[in-house]
């Protein structure tokens, strides 16, 4: 089992990936992603994927190519 949880300084959820089997209707069951206002289907990420996602939230690209 796994859980990757990311929250803001106030403790508010930004996202969490986990595979607790409580959303059987999702196509990626038991894997899923929690967002502040919904739960969505999501494949199990590896730690590098999660860190890249956090990096893009902390340091959004401002250049346009």
PDB file of N, CA and C in Angstrom:
ATOM      1  N   UNK A   1       0.841  -1.174   0.000  1.00  0.00           N
ATOM      2  CA  UNK A   1       0.000   0.000   0.000  1.00  0.00           C
ATOM      3  C   UNK A   1       0.891   1.243   0.000  1.00  0.00           C
ATOM      4  N   UNK A   2       0.328   2.354  -0.384  1.00  0.00           N
ATOM      5  CA  UNK A   2       1.093   3.600  -0.441  1.00  0.00           C
ATOM      6  C   UNK A   2       0.182   4.776  -0.162  1.00  0.00           C
ATOM      7  N   UNK A   3       0.817   5.882   0.181  1.00  0.00           N
ATOM      8  CA  UNK A   3       0.107   7.157   0.364  1.00  0.00           C
ATOM      9  C   UNK A   3       1.132   8.267   0.178  1.00  0.00           C
ATOM     10  N   UNK A   4       0.858   9.159  -0.752  1.00  0.00           N
ATOM     11  CA  UNK A   4       1.669  10.352  -0.959  1.00  0.00           C
ATOM     12  C   UNK A   4       0.752  11.539  -0.705  1.00  0.00           C
ATOM     13  N   UNK A   5       1.007  12.260   0.363  1.00  0.00           N
ATOM     14  CA  UNK A   5       0.128  13.339   0.810  1.00  0.00           C
ATOM     15  C   UNK A   5       0.887  14.653   0.756  1.00  0.00           C
ATOM     16  N   UNK A   6       0.287  15.671   0.133  1.00  0.00           N
ATOM     17  CA  UNK A   6       0.885  16.997   0.056  1.00  0.00           C
ATOM     18  C   UNK A   6      -0.151  18.005   0.536  1.00  0.00           C
ATOM     19  N   UNK A   7       0.261  18.864   1.472  1.00  0.00           N
ATOM     20  CA  UNK A   7      -0.663  19.838   2.038  1.00  0.00           C
ATOM     21  C   UNK A   7       0.029  21.184   2.177  1.00  0.00           C
ATOM     22  N   UNK A   8      -0.771  22.233   2.355  1.00  0.00           N
ATOM     23  CA  UNK A   8      -0.198  23.561   2.545  1.00  0.00           C
ATOM     24  C   UNK A   8       0.175  23.770   4.007  1.00  0.00           C
ATOM     25  N   UNK A   9       0.769  24.920   4.299  1.00  0.00           N
ATOM     26  CA  UNK A   9       1.249  25.207   5.654  1.00  0.00           C
ATOM     27  C   UNK A   9       0.126  25.233   6.689  1.00  0.00           C
ATOM     28  N   UNK A  10      -1.098  25.494   6.245  1.00  0.00           N
ATOM     29  CA  UNK A  10      -2.248  25.512   7.161  1.00  0.00           C
ATOM     30  C   UNK A  10      -2.878  24.139   7.347  1.00  0.00           C
ATOM     31  N   UNK A  11      -2.312  23.117   6.713  1.00  0.00           N
ATOM     32  CA  UNK A  11      -2.845  21.766   6.828  1.00  0.00           C
ATOM     33  C   UNK A  11      -3.902  21.428   5.808  1.00  0.00           C
ATOM     34  N   UNK A  12      -4.163  22.330   4.859  1.00  0.00           N
ATOM     35  CA  UNK A  12      -5.157  22.073   3.820  1.00  0.00           C
ATOM     36  C   UNK A  12      -4.601  21.135   2.753  1.00  0.00           C
ATOM     37  N   UNK A  13      -5.406  20.187   2.355  1.00  0.00           N
ATOM     38  CA  UNK A  13      -4.995  19.228   1.337  1.00  0.00           C
ATOM     39  C   UNK A  13      -4.753  19.910  -0.001  1.00  0.00           C
ATOM     40  N   UNK A  14      -3.631  19.600  -0.619  1.00  0.00           N
ATOM     41  CA  UNK A  14      -3.371  19.992  -1.998  1.00  0.00           C
ATOM     42  C   UNK A  14      -3.630  18.779  -2.881  1.00  0.00           C
ATOM     43  N   UNK A  15      -3.021  17.634  -2.555  1.00  0.00           N
ATOM     44  CA  UNK A  15      -3.365  16.370  -3.202  1.00  0.00           C
ATOM     45  C   UNK A  15      -2.856  15.203  -2.371  1.00  0.00           C
ATOM     46  N   UNK A  16      -3.457  14.055  -2.602  1.00  0.00           N
ATOM     47  CA  UNK A  16      -2.981  12.811  -1.989  1.00  0.00           C
ATOM     48  C   UNK A  16      -3.260  11.681  -2.956  1.00  0.00           C
ATOM     49  N   UNK A  17      -2.257  10.864  -3.196  1.00  0.00           N
ATOM     50  CA  UNK A  17      -2.411   9.623  -3.946  1.00  0.00           C
ATOM     51  C   UNK A  17      -2.420   8.492  -2.931  1.00  0.00           C
ATOM     52  N   UNK A  18      -3.331   7.556  -3.087  1.00  0.00           N
ATOM     53  CA  UNK A  18      -3.291   6.367  -2.244  1.00  0.00           C
ATOM     54  C   UNK A  18      -4.044   5.227  -2.914  1.00  0.00           C
ATOM     55  N   UNK A  19      -3.951   4.064  -2.308  1.00  0.00           N
ATOM     56  CA  UNK A  19      -4.642   2.897  -2.861  1.00  0.00           C
ATOM     57  C   UNK A  19      -5.510   2.200  -1.819  1.00  0.00           C
ATOM     58  N   UNK A  20      -6.059   2.982  -0.894  1.00  0.00           N
ATOM     59  CA  UNK A  20      -7.047   2.417   0.022  1.00  0.00           C
ATOM     60  C   UNK A  20      -8.284   2.051  -0.799  1.00  0.00           C
ATOM     61  N   UNK A  21      -8.810   0.859  -0.605  1.00  0.00           N
ATOM     62  CA  UNK A  21      -9.888   0.373  -1.492  1.00  0.00           C
ATOM     63  C   UNK A  21     -11.273   0.901  -1.133  1.00  0.00           C
ATOM     64  N   UNK A  22     -11.469   2.219  -1.219  1.00  0.00           N
ATOM     65  CA  UNK A  22     -12.776   2.770  -0.876  1.00  0.00           C
ATOM     66  C   UNK A  22     -13.455   3.541  -2.012  1.00  0.00           C
ATOM     67  N   UNK A  23     -12.962   3.442  -3.237  1.00  0.00           N
ATOM     68  CA  UNK A  23     -13.624   4.057  -4.396  1.00  0.00           C
ATOM     69  C   UNK A  23     -13.702   3.037  -5.535  1.00  0.00           C
ATOM     70  N   UNK A  24     -14.476   1.969  -5.365  1.00  0.00           N
ATOM     71  CA  UNK A  24     -14.499   0.889  -6.367  1.00  0.00           C
ATOM     72  C   UNK A  24     -15.036   1.302  -7.727  1.00  0.00           C
ATOM     73  N   UNK A  25     -15.726   2.429  -7.833  1.00  0.00           N
ATOM     74  CA  UNK A  25     -16.282   2.872  -9.117  1.00  0.00           C
ATOM     75  C   UNK A  25     -15.225   3.511 -10.024  1.00  0.00           C
ATOM     76  N   UNK A  26     -14.052   3.832  -9.496  1.00  0.00           N
ATOM     77  CA  UNK A  26     -13.021   4.474 -10.314  1.00  0.00           C
ATOM     78  C   UNK A  26     -12.300   3.449 -11.183  1.00  0.00           C
ATOM     79  N   UNK A  27     -11.964   3.838 -12.393  1.00  0.00           N
ATOM     80  CA  UNK A  27     -11.331   2.932 -13.359  1.00  0.00           C
ATOM     81  C   UNK A  27      -9.981   2.419 -12.883  1.00  0.00           C
ATOM     82  N   UNK A  28      -9.300   3.157 -12.030  1.00  0.00           N
ATOM     83  CA  UNK A  28      -7.977   2.748 -11.562  1.00  0.00           C
ATOM     84  C   UNK A  28      -8.018   2.080 -10.189  1.00  0.00           C
ATOM     85  N   UNK A  29      -9.201   1.697  -9.743  1.00  0.00           N
ATOM     86  CA  UNK A  29      -9.378   1.077  -8.423  1.00  0.00           C
ATOM     87  C   UNK A  29      -8.326  -0.002  -8.192  1.00  0.00           C
ATOM     88  N   UNK A  30      -7.683   0.010  -7.038  1.00  0.00           N
ATOM     89  CA  UNK A  30      -7.913   0.858  -5.868  1.00  0.00           C
ATOM     90  C   UNK A  30      -7.124   2.171  -5.882  1.00  0.00           C
ATOM     91  N   UNK A  31      -6.284   2.390  -6.891  1.00  0.00           N
ATOM     92  CA  UNK A  31      -5.490   3.613  -6.950  1.00  0.00           C
ATOM     93  C   UNK A  31      -6.377   4.810  -7.279  1.00  0.00           C
ATOM     94  N   UNK A  32      -6.086   5.945  -6.648  1.00  0.00           N
ATOM     95  CA  UNK A  32      -6.853   7.160  -6.894  1.00  0.00           C
ATOM     96  C   UNK A  32      -6.110   8.366  -6.345  1.00  0.00           C
ATOM     97  N   UNK A  33      -6.621   9.555  -6.674  1.00  0.00           N
ATOM     98  CA  UNK A  33      -6.012  10.805  -6.228  1.00  0.00           C
ATOM     99  C   UNK A  33      -7.080  11.685  -5.592  1.00  0.00           C
ATOM    100  N   UNK A  34      -6.782  12.167  -4.394  1.00  0.00           N
ATOM    101  CA  UNK A  34      -7.650  13.116  -3.699  1.00  0.00           C
ATOM    102  C   UNK A  34      -7.192  14.520  -4.038  1.00  0.00           C
ATOM    103  N   UNK A  35      -8.138  15.367  -4.386  1.00  0.00           N
ATOM    104  CA  UNK A  35      -7.922  16.794  -4.582  1.00  0.00           C
ATOM    105  C   UNK A  35      -8.762  17.511  -3.535  1.00  0.00           C
ATOM    106  N   UNK A  36      -8.609  18.807  -3.361  1.00  0.00           N
ATOM    107  CA  UNK A  36      -9.369  19.479  -2.298  1.00  0.00           C
ATOM    108  C   UNK A  36     -10.878  19.267  -2.366  1.00  0.00           C
ATOM    109  N   UNK A  37     -11.434  19.109  -3.571  1.00  0.00           N
ATOM    110  CA  UNK A  37     -12.889  19.007  -3.672  1.00  0.00           C
ATOM    111  C   UNK A  37     -13.388  17.790  -4.438  1.00  0.00           C
ATOM    112  N   UNK A  38     -12.499  16.832  -4.711  1.00  0.00           N
ATOM    113  CA  UNK A  38     -12.939  15.638  -5.427  1.00  0.00           C
ATOM    114  C   UNK A  38     -11.911  14.521  -5.332  1.00  0.00           C
ATOM    115  N   UNK A  39     -12.330  13.330  -5.717  1.00  0.00           N
ATOM    116  CA  UNK A  39     -11.442  12.179  -5.833  1.00  0.00           C
ATOM    117  C   UNK A  39     -11.526  11.722  -7.278  1.00  0.00           C
ATOM    118  N   UNK A  40     -10.356  11.507  -7.896  1.00  0.00           N
ATOM    119  CA  UNK A  40     -10.319  11.137  -9.306  1.00  0.00           C
ATOM    120  C   UNK A  40      -9.509   9.874  -9.517  1.00  0.00           C
ATOM    121  N   UNK A  41      -9.758   9.207 -10.628  1.00  0.00           N
ATOM    122  CA  UNK A  41      -8.975   8.043 -11.003  1.00  0.00           C
ATOM    123  C   UNK A  41      -7.552   8.488 -11.294  1.00  0.00           C
ATOM    124  N   UNK A  42      -6.585   7.722 -10.831  1.00  0.00           N
ATOM    125  CA  UNK A  42      -5.176   8.029 -11.080  1.00  0.00           C
ATOM    126  C   UNK A  42      -4.360   6.769 -10.854  1.00  0.00           C
ATOM    127  N   UNK A  43      -3.476   6.494 -11.779  1.00  0.00           N
ATOM    128  CA  UNK A  43      -2.562   5.368 -11.606  1.00  0.00           C
ATOM    129  C   UNK A  43      -1.618   5.657 -10.444  1.00  0.00           C
ATOM    130  N   UNK A  44      -1.045   4.618  -9.896  1.00  0.00           N
ATOM    131  CA  UNK A  44      -0.089   4.770  -8.803  1.00  0.00           C
ATOM    132  C   UNK A  44       1.165   5.474  -9.313  1.00  0.00           C
ATOM    133  N   UNK A  45       1.499   6.627  -8.735  1.00  0.00           N
ATOM    134  CA  UNK A  45       2.715   7.314  -9.161  1.00  0.00           C
ATOM    135  C   UNK A  45       3.919   6.771  -8.402  1.00  0.00           C
ATOM    136  N   UNK A  46       5.095   6.998  -8.943  1.00  0.00           N
ATOM    137  CA  UNK A  46       6.270   6.709  -8.114  1.00  0.00           C
ATOM    138  C   UNK A  46       6.694   8.024  -7.460  1.00  0.00           C
ATOM    139  N   UNK A  47       7.601   7.952  -6.523  1.00  0.00           N
ATOM    140  CA  UNK A  47       7.980   9.127  -5.761  1.00  0.00           C
ATOM    141  C   UNK A  47       8.514  10.235  -6.663  1.00  0.00           C
ATOM    142  N   UNK A  48       9.264   9.896  -7.693  1.00  0.00           N
ATOM    143  CA  UNK A  48       9.789  10.913  -8.612  1.00  0.00           C
ATOM    144  C   UNK A  48       8.653  11.678  -9.290  1.00  0.00           C
ATOM    145  N   UNK A  49       7.576  10.978  -9.671  1.00  0.00           N
ATOM    146  CA  UNK A  49       6.415  11.645 -10.276  1.00  0.00           C
ATOM    147  C   UNK A  49       5.783  12.634  -9.299  1.00  0.00           C
ATOM    148  N   UNK A  50       5.636  12.215  -8.057  1.00  0.00           N
ATOM    149  CA  UNK A  50       5.026  13.070  -7.036  1.00  0.00           C
ATOM    150  C   UNK A  50       5.887  14.310  -6.804  1.00  0.00           C
ATOM    151  N   UNK A  51       7.186  14.130  -6.715  1.00  0.00           N
ATOM    152  CA  UNK A  51       8.076  15.265  -6.487  1.00  0.00           C
ATOM    153  C   UNK A  51       8.068  16.229  -7.673  1.00  0.00           C
ATOM    154  N   UNK A  52       7.973  15.703  -8.894  1.00  0.00           N
ATOM    155  CA  UNK A  52       7.867  16.572 -10.070  1.00  0.00           C
ATOM    156  C   UNK A  52       6.565  17.378 -10.028  1.00  0.00           C
ATOM    157  N   UNK A  53       5.474  16.723  -9.615  1.00  0.00           N
ATOM    158  CA  UNK A  53       4.197  17.422  -9.522  1.00  0.00           C
ATOM    159  C   UNK A  53       4.263  18.552  -8.493  1.00  0.00           C
ATOM    160  N   UNK A  54       4.875  18.277  -7.355  1.00  0.00           N
ATOM    161  CA  UNK A  54       5.047  19.303  -6.330  1.00  0.00           C
ATOM    162  C   UNK A  54       5.919  20.435  -6.862  1.00  0.00           C
ATOM    163  N   UNK A  55       6.976  20.088  -7.552  1.00  0.00           N
ATOM    164  CA  UNK A  55       7.874  21.089  -8.121  1.00  0.00           C
ATOM    165  C   UNK A  55       7.131  22.023  -9.072  1.00  0.00           C
ATOM    166  N   UNK A  56       6.254  21.476  -9.902  1.00  0.00           N
ATOM    167  CA  UNK A  56       5.515  22.333 -10.838  1.00  0.00           C
ATOM    168  C   UNK A  56       4.513  23.234 -10.111  1.00  0.00           C
ATOM    169  N   UNK A  57       4.024  22.791  -8.969  1.00  0.00           N
ATOM    170  CA  UNK A  57       3.129  23.643  -8.179  1.00  0.00           C
ATOM    171  C   UNK A  57       3.899  24.756  -7.480  1.00  0.00           C
ATOM    172  N   UNK A  58       5.090  24.432  -6.998  1.00  0.00           N
ATOM    173  CA  UNK A  58       5.900  25.428  -6.300  1.00  0.00           C
ATOM    174  C   UNK A  58       6.566  26.409  -7.253  1.00  0.00           C
ATOM    175  N   UNK A  59       6.970  25.910  -8.406  1.00  0.00           N
ATOM    176  CA  UNK A  59       7.735  26.712  -9.365  1.00  0.00           C
ATOM    177  C   UNK A  59       7.109  26.602 -10.751  1.00  0.00           C
ATOM    178  N   UNK A  60       5.954  27.218 -10.941  1.00  0.00           N
ATOM    179  CA  UNK A  60       5.299  27.117 -12.260  1.00  0.00           C
ATOM    180  C   UNK A  60       6.155  27.775 -13.345  1.00  0.00           C
ATOM    181  N   UNK A  61       6.135  27.168 -14.502  1.00  0.00           N
ATOM    182  CA  UNK A  61       6.886  27.735 -15.632  1.00  0.00           C
ATOM    183  C   UNK A  61       6.207  29.014 -16.080  1.00  0.00           C
ATOM    184  N   UNK A  62       7.008  30.025 -16.297  1.00  0.00           N
ATOM    185  CA  UNK A  62       6.463  31.293 -16.758  1.00  0.00           C
ATOM    186  C   UNK A  62       6.865  31.601 -18.193  1.00  0.00           C
ATOM    187  N   UNK A  63       7.785  30.795 -18.730  1.00  0.00           N
ATOM    188  CA  UNK A  63       8.191  31.019 -20.112  1.00  0.00           C
ATOM    189  C   UNK A  63       7.214  30.341 -21.066  1.00  0.00           C
ATOM    190  N   UNK A  64       7.064  30.905 -22.215  1.00  0.00           N
ATOM    191  CA  UNK A  64       6.236  30.304 -23.247  1.00  0.00           C
ATOM    192  C   UNK A  64       7.099  30.112 -24.473  1.00  0.00           C
ATOM    193  N   UNK A  65       7.124  28.903 -24.932  1.00  0.00           N
ATOM    194  CA  UNK A  65       7.972  28.581 -26.080  1.00  0.00           C
ATOM    195  C   UNK A  65       7.103  28.261 -27.267  1.00  0.00           C
TER     196      UNK A  65
END
